[in-house]
Amino acid sequence: MLELITFSMLNGFLYGMLLFMMASGLTLIFSMMGVLNFAHTSFYMLGAYFGFELSRRYGFWTGFLFAPIIVGVAGALVERFGLRRVHRTGHVSELLFTFGLAYLIEELVMMLWGKMPVDYRVPTSLDFVAFQLFNTTYPFYRAFMLMTSLVMFAFLVIILKRTRVGLIIQASLTHPNMVAMLGHNVPRIFMFVFGVGSALAGLAGVIAGPALVTQPSMAASLGPILFVVIVVGGMGSLPGAFVASLLVAIIQTFAVAIDVSAADLFGSISAPVVRNIWNVKVAQIAPMIPYVLLVLILVFRPTGLLGKRL
């Protein structure tokens, strides 16, 4: 039992930090423009594919350093020449624009790299055992992913809370007209924030690509969970996104690891219809749990755990 709890906590914390790397960018973009960016996980996918392409040509560390930068520049260009123009026509147009962009990016990825998963592997320099607990080994690459996520979290907090740039960004999110009157170029700040948010998603893709499967459907499979995190945490709340990322990830990780049903705990029952539900394992309903949490939050606390508006 202690082994189950320890490794579920480690894996849940790691998954939660990866979710937060993407949710933080999406939250900042929502705070800035008031629109949910449906293409955000597409930047995560682009990070994985750019990381793969650079890794096989120039080595893993080249992909690790430059793929997020390329994705960030791509995100900034999308904001400058696409989303900023669509912003004038309202939020519905923005939603449709980002939805179409997500579809376009997925099609481009399939044209360039094919529909099958690519061979994006953990580099040999990071492919060894970090430690052993309860006769179970923990890969160093997962520890590397966790450390990278923590460093990015600390970097984000320091930039936003401890620097003048962070203060200007936060002021631009809440009082853009006043910041503009003080002489700052607010549209350029918005483009910068959009680019940084995209780069964070790209970095998550670069480090998650070798550990998970790098394939064209990876954006679509992660997108719904990311929106659950944003709503549960409170739309526009960065601390809420952090809490919700860890909460959703740890709950889902524990659910996957628990291979018991109500029948195992309380004994079998004879009613045919109820018996089928009674015998369902917790691990089988693990993918549903985040959406159950989403429904409960919307019913009992529509602003989210730490949000102020919806």
C-alpha atoms as a PDB file:
ATOM      1  CA  MET A   1       0.000   0.000   0.000  1.00  0.00           C
ATOM      2  CA  LEU A   2       2.829   2.417   0.891  1.00  0.00           C
ATOM      3  CA  GLU A   3       4.469   1.651  -2.466  1.00  0.00           C
ATOM      4  CA  LEU A   4       1.212   2.414  -4.278  1.00  0.00           C
ATOM      5  CA  ILE A   5       0.776   5.724  -2.438  1.00  0.00           C
ATOM      6  CA  THR A   6       4.416   6.796  -2.935  1.00  0.00           C
ATOM      7  CA  PHE A   7       4.617   6.133  -6.678  1.00  0.00           C
ATOM      8  CA  SER A   8       1.097   7.411  -7.333  1.00  0.00           C
ATOM      9  CA  MET A   9       2.019  10.668  -5.589  1.00  0.00           C
ATOM     10  CA  LEU A  10       5.247  10.952  -7.607  1.00  0.00           C
ATOM     11  CA  ASN A  11       3.533  10.255 -10.929  1.00  0.00           C
ATOM     12  CA  GLY A  12       0.540  12.441 -10.037  1.00  0.00           C
ATOM     13  CA  PHE A  13       2.783  15.358  -9.058  1.00  0.00           C
ATOM     14  CA  LEU A  14       4.769  14.986 -12.287  1.00  0.00           C
ATOM     15  CA  TYR A  15       1.611  14.848 -14.420  1.00  0.00           C
ATOM     16  CA  GLY A  16       0.168  17.808 -12.508  1.00  0.00           C
ATOM     17  CA  MET A  17       3.242  19.966 -13.132  1.00  0.00           C
ATOM     18  CA  LEU A  18       3.098  19.145 -16.856  1.00  0.00           C
ATOM     19  CA  LEU A  19      -0.561  20.153 -16.889  1.00  0.00           C
ATOM     20  CA  PHE A  20       0.302  23.379 -15.071  1.00  0.00           C
ATOM     21  CA  MET A  21       2.975  24.264 -17.641  1.00  0.00           C
ATOM     22  CA  MET A  22       0.227  24.306 -20.255  1.00  0.00           C
ATOM     23  CA  ALA A  23      -2.573  25.597 -18.039  1.00  0.00           C
ATOM     24  CA  SER A  24      -0.489  28.603 -16.909  1.00  0.00           C
ATOM     25  CA  GLY A  25      -0.099  29.837 -20.483  1.00  0.00           C
ATOM     26  CA  LEU A  26      -3.736  29.219 -21.287  1.00  0.00           C
ATOM     27  CA  THR A  27      -4.799  31.030 -18.102  1.00  0.00           C
ATOM     28  CA  LEU A  28      -2.676  34.083 -18.893  1.00  0.00           C
ATOM     29  CA  ILE A  29      -4.087  34.198 -22.425  1.00  0.00           C
ATOM     30  CA  PHE A  30      -7.642  33.951 -21.095  1.00  0.00           C
ATOM     31  CA  SER A  31      -6.957  36.707 -18.556  1.00  0.00           C
ATOM     32  CA  MET A  32      -5.479  38.850 -21.322  1.00  0.00           C
ATOM     33  CA  MET A  33      -8.007  38.394 -24.119  1.00  0.00           C
ATOM     34  CA  GLY A  34     -10.979  36.750 -22.433  1.00  0.00           C
ATOM     35  CA  VAL A  35     -10.971  33.852 -24.880  1.00  0.00           C
ATOM     36  CA  LEU A  36     -10.245  30.161 -24.512  1.00  0.00           C
ATOM     37  CA  ASN A  37      -7.497  29.228 -26.936  1.00  0.00           C
ATOM     38  CA  PHE A  38      -8.591  25.883 -28.401  1.00  0.00           C
ATOM     39  CA  ALA A  39      -5.261  25.630 -30.226  1.00  0.00           C
ATOM     40  CA  HIS A  40      -3.172  25.745 -27.040  1.00  0.00           C
ATOM     41  CA  THR A  41      -2.530  21.991 -26.888  1.00  0.00           C
ATOM     42  CA  SER A  42      -1.572  22.156 -30.567  1.00  0.00           C
ATOM     43  CA  PHE A  43       1.453  24.208 -29.481  1.00  0.00           C
ATOM     44  CA  TYR A  44       2.204  21.411 -27.014  1.00  0.00           C
ATOM     45  CA  MET A  45       2.113  18.948 -29.923  1.00  0.00           C
ATOM     46  CA  LEU A  46       4.306  21.222 -32.055  1.00  0.00           C
ATOM     47  CA  GLY A  47       6.845  21.345 -29.210  1.00  0.00           C
ATOM     48  CA  ALA A  48       7.013  17.544 -29.182  1.00  0.00           C
ATOM     49  CA  TYR A  49       7.435  17.290 -32.970  1.00  0.00           C
ATOM     50  CA  PHE A  50       9.954  20.141 -33.233  1.00  0.00           C
ATOM     51  CA  GLY A  51      11.853  18.577 -30.320  1.00  0.00           C
ATOM     52  CA  PHE A  52      11.841  15.235 -32.115  1.00  0.00           C
ATOM     53  CA  GLU A  53      13.034  16.743 -35.400  1.00  0.00           C
ATOM     54  CA  LEU A  54      15.832  18.781 -33.812  1.00  0.00           C
ATOM     55  CA  SER A  55      16.847  15.860 -31.577  1.00  0.00           C
ATOM     56  CA  ARG A  56      17.338  13.424 -34.407  1.00  0.00           C
ATOM     57  CA  ARG A  57      19.363  15.965 -36.398  1.00  0.00           C
ATOM     58  CA  TYR A  58      21.365  17.803 -33.733  1.00  0.00           C
ATOM     59  CA  GLY A  59      20.797  15.977 -30.441  1.00  0.00           C
ATOM     60  CA  PHE A  60      18.281  16.129 -27.592  1.00  0.00           C
ATOM     61  CA  TRP A  61      19.598  19.273 -25.913  1.00  0.00           C
ATOM     62  CA  THR A  62      19.331  21.298 -29.110  1.00  0.00           C
ATOM     63  CA  GLY A  63      15.671  20.327 -29.330  1.00  0.00           C
ATOM     64  CA  PHE A  64      15.204  21.005 -25.618  1.00  0.00           C
ATOM     65  CA  LEU A  65      16.542  24.563 -25.972  1.00  0.00           C
ATOM     66  CA  PHE A  66      15.297  25.655 -29.380  1.00  0.00           C
ATOM     67  CA  ALA A  67      11.975  23.864 -29.933  1.00  0.00           C
ATOM     68  CA  PRO A  68      10.136  25.927 -27.226  1.00  0.00           C
ATOM     69  CA  ILE A  69      11.614  29.115 -28.702  1.00  0.00           C
ATOM     70  CA  ILE A  70      10.363  28.200 -32.180  1.00  0.00           C
ATOM     71  CA  VAL A  71       6.921  27.388 -30.782  1.00  0.00           C
ATOM     72  CA  GLY A  72       6.892  30.652 -28.809  1.00  0.00           C
ATOM     73  CA  VAL A  73       7.742  32.671 -31.944  1.00  0.00           C
ATOM     74  CA  ALA A  74       5.010  30.805 -33.846  1.00  0.00           C
ATOM     75  CA  GLY A  75       2.529  31.627 -31.057  1.00  0.00           C
ATOM     76  CA  ALA A  76       3.518  35.310 -31.094  1.00  0.00           C
ATOM     77  CA  LEU A  77       3.026  35.443 -34.885  1.00  0.00           C
ATOM     78  CA  VAL A  78      -0.393  33.795 -34.528  1.00  0.00           C
ATOM     79  CA  GLU A  79      -1.394  36.492 -32.046  1.00  0.00           C
ATOM     80  CA  ARG A  80       0.057  39.351 -34.097  1.00  0.00           C
ATOM     81  CA  PHE A  81      -1.276  38.448 -37.525  1.00  0.00           C
ATOM     82  CA  GLY A  82      -4.303  36.301 -36.689  1.00  0.00           C
ATOM     83  CA  LEU A  83      -5.900  36.536 -33.285  1.00  0.00           C
ATOM     84  CA  ARG A  84      -5.418  40.303 -32.922  1.00  0.00           C
ATOM     85  CA  ARG A  85      -7.344  40.925 -36.130  1.00  0.00           C
ATOM     86  CA  VAL A  86     -10.106  38.460 -35.200  1.00  0.00           C
ATOM     87  CA  HIS A  87     -10.332  39.985 -31.696  1.00  0.00           C
ATOM     88  CA  ARG A  88     -12.103  43.016 -33.168  1.00  0.00           C
ATOM     89  CA  THR A  89     -15.076  40.899 -34.258  1.00  0.00           C
ATOM     90  CA  GLY A  90     -15.821  39.296 -30.882  1.00  0.00           C
ATOM     91  CA  HIS A  91     -15.178  36.176 -28.831  1.00  0.00           C
ATOM     92  CA  VAL A  92     -17.157  33.827 -31.087  1.00  0.00           C
ATOM     93  CA  SER A  93     -14.843  34.625 -33.979  1.00  0.00           C
ATOM     94  CA  GLU A  94     -11.837  34.065 -31.714  1.00  0.00           C
ATOM     95  CA  LEU A  95     -13.123  30.663 -30.639  1.00  0.00           C
ATOM     96  CA  LEU A  96     -13.740  29.655 -34.244  1.00  0.00           C
ATOM     97  CA  PHE A  97     -10.305  30.953 -35.251  1.00  0.00           C
ATOM     98  CA  THR A  98      -8.478  28.921 -32.585  1.00  0.00           C
ATOM     99  CA  PHE A  99     -10.616  25.847 -33.336  1.00  0.00           C
ATOM    100  CA  GLY A 100      -9.734  26.093 -37.023  1.00  0.00           C
ATOM    101  CA  LEU A 101      -6.078  26.716 -36.170  1.00  0.00           C
ATOM    102  CA  ALA A 102      -5.957  23.542 -34.046  1.00  0.00           C
ATOM    103  CA  TYR A 103      -7.385  21.517 -36.935  1.00  0.00           C
ATOM    104  CA  LEU A 104      -4.938  23.126 -39.388  1.00  0.00           C
ATOM    105  CA  ILE A 105      -1.907  22.387 -37.182  1.00  0.00           C
ATOM    106  CA  GLU A 106      -2.959  18.752 -36.771  1.00  0.00           C
ATOM    107  CA  GLU A 107      -3.333  18.329 -40.534  1.00  0.00           C
ATOM    108  CA  LEU A 108       0.065  19.951 -41.166  1.00  0.00           C
ATOM    109  CA  VAL A 109       1.695  17.644 -38.607  1.00  0.00           C
ATOM    110  CA  MET A 110       0.181  14.584 -40.328  1.00  0.00           C
ATOM    111  CA  MET A 111       1.397  15.837 -43.723  1.00  0.00           C
ATOM    112  CA  LEU A 112       4.946  16.379 -42.457  1.00  0.00           C
ATOM    113  CA  TRP A 113       5.440  13.458 -40.064  1.00  0.00           C
ATOM    114  CA  GLY A 114       2.654  11.034 -40.970  1.00  0.00           C
ATOM    115  CA  LYS A 115      -0.260   9.640 -38.980  1.00  0.00           C
ATOM    116  CA  MET A 116       1.771   7.096 -37.015  1.00  0.00           C
ATOM    117  CA  PRO A 117       3.724   7.867 -33.796  1.00  0.00           C
ATOM    118  CA  VAL A 118       7.296   9.022 -34.354  1.00  0.00           C
ATOM    119  CA  ASP A 119      10.348   7.409 -32.731  1.00  0.00           C
ATOM    120  CA  TYR A 120      11.057  10.147 -30.158  1.00  0.00           C
ATOM    121  CA  ARG A 121      13.151   8.414 -27.497  1.00  0.00           C
ATOM    122  CA  VAL A 122      14.609   9.336 -24.136  1.00  0.00           C
ATOM    123  CA  PRO A 123      18.269  10.382 -24.685  1.00  0.00           C
ATOM    124  CA  THR A 124      20.840   7.863 -23.473  1.00  0.00           C
ATOM    125  CA  SER A 125      22.416  10.483 -21.173  1.00  0.00           C
ATOM    126  CA  LEU A 126      19.148  10.638 -19.188  1.00  0.00           C
ATOM    127  CA  ASP A 127      18.057   7.022 -19.570  1.00  0.00           C
ATOM    128  CA  PHE A 128      19.022   5.405 -16.266  1.00  0.00           C
ATOM    129  CA  VAL A 129      17.487   4.587 -12.906  1.00  0.00           C
ATOM    130  CA  ALA A 130      17.216   7.523 -10.499  1.00  0.00           C
ATOM    131  CA  PHE A 131      16.442   5.520  -7.366  1.00  0.00           C
ATOM    132  CA  GLN A 132      14.796   2.345  -6.153  1.00  0.00           C
ATOM    133  CA  LEU A 133      11.978   2.121  -3.625  1.00  0.00           C
ATOM    134  CA  PHE A 134      10.087  -1.017  -2.542  1.00  0.00           C
ATOM    135  CA  ASN A 135      11.926  -3.021  -5.247  1.00  0.00           C
ATOM    136  CA  THR A 136      10.539  -0.656  -7.897  1.00  0.00           C
ATOM    137  CA  THR A 137      12.838   1.582  -9.934  1.00  0.00           C
ATOM    138  CA  TYR A 138      12.068   5.173 -10.869  1.00  0.00           C
ATOM    139  CA  PRO A 139      13.500   6.430 -14.203  1.00  0.00           C
ATOM    140  CA  PHE A 140      15.770   9.454 -14.018  1.00  0.00           C
ATOM    141  CA  TYR A 141      14.051  10.977 -17.050  1.00  0.00           C
ATOM    142  CA  ARG A 142      10.824  11.333 -15.042  1.00  0.00           C
ATOM    143  CA  ALA A 143      12.797  13.089 -12.316  1.00  0.00           C
ATOM    144  CA  PHE A 144      14.272  15.333 -15.024  1.00  0.00           C
ATOM    145  CA  MET A 145      10.768  16.156 -16.267  1.00  0.00           C
ATOM    146  CA  LEU A 146       9.725  17.010 -12.712  1.00  0.00           C
ATOM    147  CA  MET A 147      12.779  19.215 -12.128  1.00  0.00           C
ATOM    148  CA  THR A 148      12.211  21.040 -15.431  1.00  0.00           C
ATOM    149  CA  SER A 149       8.577  21.686 -14.490  1.00  0.00           C
ATOM    150  CA  LEU A 150       9.567  22.996 -11.042  1.00  0.00           C
ATOM    151  CA  VAL A 151      12.224  25.291 -12.522  1.00  0.00           C
ATOM    152  CA  MET A 152       9.701  26.692 -15.010  1.00  0.00           C
ATOM    153  CA  PHE A 153       7.166  27.192 -12.205  1.00  0.00           C
ATOM    154  CA  ALA A 154       9.742  29.083 -10.099  1.00  0.00           C
ATOM    155  CA  PHE A 155      10.779  31.131 -13.154  1.00  0.00           C
ATOM    156  CA  LEU A 156       7.156  32.080 -13.846  1.00  0.00           C
ATOM    157  CA  VAL A 157       6.506  33.088 -10.227  1.00  0.00           C
ATOM    158  CA  ILE A 158       9.694  35.177 -10.023  1.00  0.00           C
ATOM    159  CA  ILE A 159       9.019  36.934 -13.334  1.00  0.00           C
ATOM    160  CA  LEU A 160       5.402  37.745 -12.483  1.00  0.00           C
ATOM    161  CA  LYS A 161       5.843  38.619  -8.798  1.00  0.00           C
ATOM    162  CA  ARG A 162       9.389  39.946  -8.427  1.00  0.00           C
ATOM    163  CA  THR A 163      10.223  41.888 -11.587  1.00  0.00           C
ATOM    164  CA  ARG A 164       9.073  45.127 -13.187  1.00  0.00           C
ATOM    165  CA  VAL A 165       8.205  43.231 -16.370  1.00  0.00           C
ATOM    166  CA  GLY A 166       5.886  40.993 -14.363  1.00  0.00           C
ATOM    167  CA  LEU A 167       4.186  43.968 -12.732  1.00  0.00           C
ATOM    168  CA  ILE A 168       3.591  45.569 -16.146  1.00  0.00           C
ATOM    169  CA  ILE A 169       2.179  42.284 -17.493  1.00  0.00           C
ATOM    170  CA  GLN A 170      -0.182  41.885 -14.533  1.00  0.00           C
ATOM    171  CA  ALA A 171      -1.294  45.499 -14.810  1.00  0.00           C
ATOM    172  CA  SER A 172      -1.871  45.042 -18.559  1.00  0.00           C
ATOM    173  CA  LEU A 173      -4.123  42.051 -17.860  1.00  0.00           C
ATOM    174  CA  THR A 174      -6.397  44.001 -15.518  1.00  0.00           C
ATOM    175  CA  HIS A 175      -5.989  47.679 -16.520  1.00  0.00           C
ATOM    176  CA  PRO A 176      -4.740  47.791 -20.143  1.00  0.00           C
ATOM    177  CA  ASN A 177      -5.929  51.367 -20.799  1.00  0.00           C
ATOM    178  CA  MET A 178      -4.078  52.767 -17.800  1.00  0.00           C
ATOM    179  CA  VAL A 179      -0.888  50.892 -18.735  1.00  0.00           C
ATOM    180  CA  ALA A 180      -1.148  52.282 -22.268  1.00  0.00           C
ATOM    181  CA  MET A 181      -1.519  55.811 -20.898  1.00  0.00           C
ATOM    182  CA  LEU A 182       1.738  55.290 -18.977  1.00  0.00           C
ATOM    183  CA  GLY A 183       3.522  54.785 -22.288  1.00  0.00           C
ATOM    184  CA  HIS A 184       3.706  50.990 -22.566  1.00  0.00           C
ATOM    185  CA  ASN A 185       2.859  49.193 -25.787  1.00  0.00           C
ATOM    186  CA  VAL A 186      -0.002  46.979 -24.565  1.00  0.00           C
ATOM    187  CA  PRO A 187      -0.538  45.056 -27.844  1.00  0.00           C
ATOM    188  CA  ARG A 188       3.161  44.145 -27.839  1.00  0.00           C
ATOM    189  CA  ILE A 189       2.830  42.954 -24.216  1.00  0.00           C
ATOM    190  CA  PHE A 190      -0.151  40.806 -25.212  1.00  0.00           C
ATOM    191  CA  MET A 191       1.861  39.314 -28.083  1.00  0.00           C
ATOM    192  CA  PHE A 192       4.753  38.615 -25.691  1.00  0.00           C
ATOM    193  CA  VAL A 193       2.460  36.883 -23.182  1.00  0.00           C
ATOM    194  CA  PHE A 194       0.843  34.813 -25.932  1.00  0.00           C
ATOM    195  CA  GLY A 195       4.298  33.801 -27.183  1.00  0.00           C
ATOM    196  CA  VAL A 196       5.528  32.872 -23.692  1.00  0.00           C
ATOM    197  CA  GLY A 197       2.362  30.850 -23.044  1.00  0.00           C
ATOM    198  CA  SER A 198       2.880  28.998 -26.320  1.00  0.00           C
ATOM    199  CA  ALA A 199       6.564  28.414 -25.482  1.00  0.00           C
ATOM    200  CA  LEU A 200       5.612  26.897 -22.114  1.00  0.00           C
ATOM    201  CA  ALA A 201       3.231  24.520 -23.898  1.00  0.00           C
ATOM    202  CA  GLY A 202       6.016  23.747 -26.383  1.00  0.00           C
ATOM    203  CA  LEU A 203       8.474  22.988 -23.567  1.00  0.00           C
ATOM    204  CA  ALA A 204       5.930  20.629 -22.006  1.00  0.00           C
ATOM    205  CA  GLY A 205       5.707  18.869 -25.372  1.00  0.00           C
ATOM    206  CA  VAL A 206       9.488  18.617 -25.712  1.00  0.00           C
ATOM    207  CA  ILE A 207       9.981  16.899 -22.357  1.00  0.00           C
ATOM    208  CA  ALA A 208       6.765  14.829 -22.474  1.00  0.00           C
ATOM    209  CA  GLY A 209       7.299  13.622 -26.045  1.00  0.00           C
ATOM    210  CA  PRO A 210       9.967  10.988 -25.264  1.00  0.00           C
ATOM    211  CA  ALA A 211       8.135   9.726 -22.152  1.00  0.00           C
ATOM    212  CA  LEU A 212       4.666   9.608 -23.706  1.00  0.00           C
ATOM    213  CA  VAL A 213       3.663   8.886 -27.297  1.00  0.00           C
ATOM    214  CA  THR A 214       4.384  11.619 -29.865  1.00  0.00           C
ATOM    215  CA  GLN A 215       1.555  11.351 -32.367  1.00  0.00           C
ATOM    216  CA  PRO A 216      -0.920  13.676 -34.163  1.00  0.00           C
ATOM    217  CA  SER A 217      -3.742  12.889 -31.723  1.00  0.00           C
ATOM    218  CA  MET A 218      -1.771  13.957 -28.632  1.00  0.00           C
ATOM    219  CA  ALA A 219      -3.211  17.493 -28.710  1.00  0.00           C
ATOM    220  CA  ALA A 220      -6.816  16.338 -29.012  1.00  0.00           C
ATOM    221  CA  SER A 221      -6.418  13.790 -26.206  1.00  0.00           C
ATOM    222  CA  LEU A 222      -4.979  16.325 -23.757  1.00  0.00           C
ATOM    223  CA  GLY A 223      -7.134  19.337 -24.674  1.00  0.00           C
ATOM    224  CA  PRO A 224     -10.299  18.339 -22.754  1.00  0.00           C
ATOM    225  CA  ILE A 225      -8.323  17.645 -19.545  1.00  0.00           C
ATOM    226  CA  LEU A 226      -6.644  21.038 -19.845  1.00  0.00           C
ATOM    227  CA  PHE A 227      -9.996  22.815 -20.042  1.00  0.00           C
ATOM    228  CA  VAL A 228     -11.174  20.833 -17.002  1.00  0.00           C
ATOM    229  CA  VAL A 229      -8.146  22.194 -15.119  1.00  0.00           C
ATOM    230  CA  ILE A 230      -8.887  25.765 -16.191  1.00  0.00           C
ATOM    231  CA  VAL A 231     -12.546  25.593 -15.131  1.00  0.00           C
ATOM    232  CA  VAL A 232     -11.921  23.725 -11.866  1.00  0.00           C
ATOM    233  CA  GLY A 233      -9.158  26.121 -10.842  1.00  0.00           C
ATOM    234  CA  GLY A 234     -11.160  29.198 -11.815  1.00  0.00           C
ATOM    235  CA  MET A 235     -10.921  30.754 -15.243  1.00  0.00           C
ATOM    236  CA  GLY A 236      -8.217  33.402 -15.278  1.00  0.00           C
ATOM    237  CA  SER A 237      -6.713  32.369 -11.923  1.00  0.00           C
ATOM    238  CA  LEU A 238      -3.048  31.313 -12.069  1.00  0.00           C
ATOM    239  CA  PRO A 239      -2.981  29.967  -8.463  1.00  0.00           C
ATOM    240  CA  GLY A 240      -6.235  28.165  -9.255  1.00  0.00           C
ATOM    241  CA  ALA A 241      -4.667  26.561 -12.330  1.00  0.00           C
ATOM    242  CA  PHE A 242      -1.767  25.338 -10.177  1.00  0.00           C
ATOM    243  CA  VAL A 243      -4.050  23.819  -7.515  1.00  0.00           C
ATOM    244  CA  ALA A 244      -6.394  22.276 -10.089  1.00  0.00           C
ATOM    245  CA  SER A 245      -3.512  20.803 -12.129  1.00  0.00           C
ATOM    246  CA  LEU A 246      -2.191  18.933  -9.115  1.00  0.00           C
ATOM    247  CA  LEU A 247      -5.676  17.986  -7.894  1.00  0.00           C
ATOM    248  CA  VAL A 248      -6.854  16.546 -11.220  1.00  0.00           C
ATOM    249  CA  ALA A 249      -3.552  14.773 -11.886  1.00  0.00           C
ATOM    250  CA  ILE A 250      -3.242  13.171  -8.442  1.00  0.00           C
ATOM    251  CA  ILE A 251      -6.893  12.057  -8.341  1.00  0.00           C
ATOM    252  CA  GLN A 252      -6.634  10.527 -11.810  1.00  0.00           C
ATOM    253  CA  THR A 253      -3.288   8.847 -11.075  1.00  0.00           C
ATOM    254  CA  PHE A 254      -4.613   7.259  -7.878  1.00  0.00           C
ATOM    255  CA  ALA A 255      -7.787   6.165  -9.684  1.00  0.00           C
ATOM    256  CA  VAL A 256      -5.750   4.416 -12.394  1.00  0.00           C
ATOM    257  CA  ALA A 257      -3.711   2.606  -9.742  1.00  0.00           C
ATOM    258  CA  ILE A 258      -6.716   1.371  -7.710  1.00  0.00           C
ATOM    259  CA  ASP A 259      -7.842  -1.922  -9.209  1.00  0.00           C
ATOM    260  CA  VAL A 260     -10.857  -2.617  -6.987  1.00  0.00           C
ATOM    261  CA  SER A 261     -14.615  -2.451  -7.474  1.00  0.00           C
ATOM    262  CA  ALA A 262     -17.596  -2.081  -5.154  1.00  0.00           C
ATOM    263  CA  ALA A 263     -18.090  -5.853  -5.449  1.00  0.00           C
ATOM    264  CA  ASP A 264     -14.567  -6.433  -4.099  1.00  0.00           C
ATOM    265  CA  LEU A 265     -15.276  -4.245  -1.066  1.00  0.00           C
ATOM    266  CA  PHE A 266     -18.899  -5.035  -0.232  1.00  0.00           C
ATOM    267  CA  GLY A 267     -19.568  -8.365  -1.956  1.00  0.00           C
ATOM    268  CA  SER A 268     -21.493  -9.194  -5.130  1.00  0.00           C
ATOM    269  CA  ILE A 269     -25.187  -8.474  -5.714  1.00  0.00           C
ATOM    270  CA  SER A 270     -27.703 -10.361  -7.831  1.00  0.00           C
ATOM    271  CA  ALA A 271     -29.622  -7.601  -9.692  1.00  0.00           C
ATOM    272  CA  PRO A 272     -28.379  -7.867 -13.343  1.00  0.00           C
ATOM    273  CA  VAL A 273     -28.322  -4.155 -14.281  1.00  0.00           C
ATOM    274  CA  VAL A 274     -26.835  -2.909 -11.023  1.00  0.00           C
ATOM    275  CA  ARG A 275     -24.382  -5.835 -10.933  1.00  0.00           C
ATOM    276  CA  ASN A 276     -22.616  -4.583 -14.069  1.00  0.00           C
ATOM    277  CA  ILE A 277     -22.016  -1.189 -12.476  1.00  0.00           C
ATOM    278  CA  TRP A 278     -21.166  -2.812  -9.126  1.00  0.00           C
ATOM    279  CA  ASN A 279     -18.353  -4.803 -10.746  1.00  0.00           C
ATOM    280  CA  VAL A 280     -16.718  -1.848 -12.516  1.00  0.00           C
ATOM    281  CA  LYS A 281     -13.155  -1.230 -11.314  1.00  0.00           C
ATOM    282  CA  VAL A 282     -12.100   2.231 -10.168  1.00  0.00           C
ATOM    283  CA  ALA A 283      -9.327   2.129 -12.796  1.00  0.00           C
ATOM    284  CA  GLN A 284     -11.971   1.680 -15.527  1.00  0.00           C
ATOM    285  CA  ILE A 285     -13.738   4.924 -14.623  1.00  0.00           C
ATOM    286  CA  ALA A 286     -10.502   6.897 -14.067  1.00  0.00           C
ATOM    287  CA  PRO A 287     -10.852   8.825 -17.384  1.00  0.00           C
ATOM    288  CA  MET A 288     -14.350   9.958 -16.309  1.00  0.00           C
ATOM    289  CA  ILE A 289     -13.348  11.334 -12.904  1.00  0.00           C
ATOM    290  CA  PRO A 290     -12.003  14.747 -14.089  1.00  0.00           C
ATOM    291  CA  TYR A 291     -15.275  15.395 -15.931  1.00  0.00           C
ATOM    292  CA  VAL A 292     -17.310  14.401 -12.866  1.00  0.00           C
ATOM    293  CA  LEU A 293     -15.227  16.928 -10.940  1.00  0.00           C
ATOM    294  CA  LEU A 294     -15.902  19.508 -13.667  1.00  0.00           C
ATOM    295  CA  VAL A 295     -19.674  19.003 -13.416  1.00  0.00           C
ATOM    296  CA  LEU A 296     -19.619  19.202  -9.610  1.00  0.00           C
ATOM    297  CA  ILE A 297     -17.565  22.406  -9.685  1.00  0.00           C
ATOM    298  CA  LEU A 298     -19.914  24.037 -12.215  1.00  0.00           C
ATOM    299  CA  VAL A 299     -22.950  23.054 -10.124  1.00  0.00           C
ATOM    300  CA  PHE A 300     -21.696  23.990  -6.653  1.00  0.00           C
ATOM    301  CA  ARG A 301     -18.964  26.575  -7.324  1.00  0.00           C
ATOM    302  CA  PRO A 302     -19.260  28.001 -10.850  1.00  0.00           C
ATOM    303  CA  THR A 303     -16.337  30.407 -10.336  1.00  0.00           C
ATOM    304  CA  GLY A 304     -13.951  27.512  -9.731  1.00  0.00           C
ATOM    305  CA  LEU A 305     -11.819  26.846  -6.677  1.00  0.00           C
ATOM    306  CA  LEU A 306      -9.906  30.154  -6.737  1.00  0.00           C
ATOM    307  CA  GLY A 307     -11.541  32.072  -9.580  1.00  0.00           C
ATOM    308  CA  LYS A 308     -13.508  35.286  -9.390  1.00  0.00           C
ATOM    309  CA  ARG A 309     -15.435  35.082 -12.638  1.00  0.00           C
ATOM    310  CA  LEU A 310     -16.590  32.519 -15.206  1.00  0.00           C
END
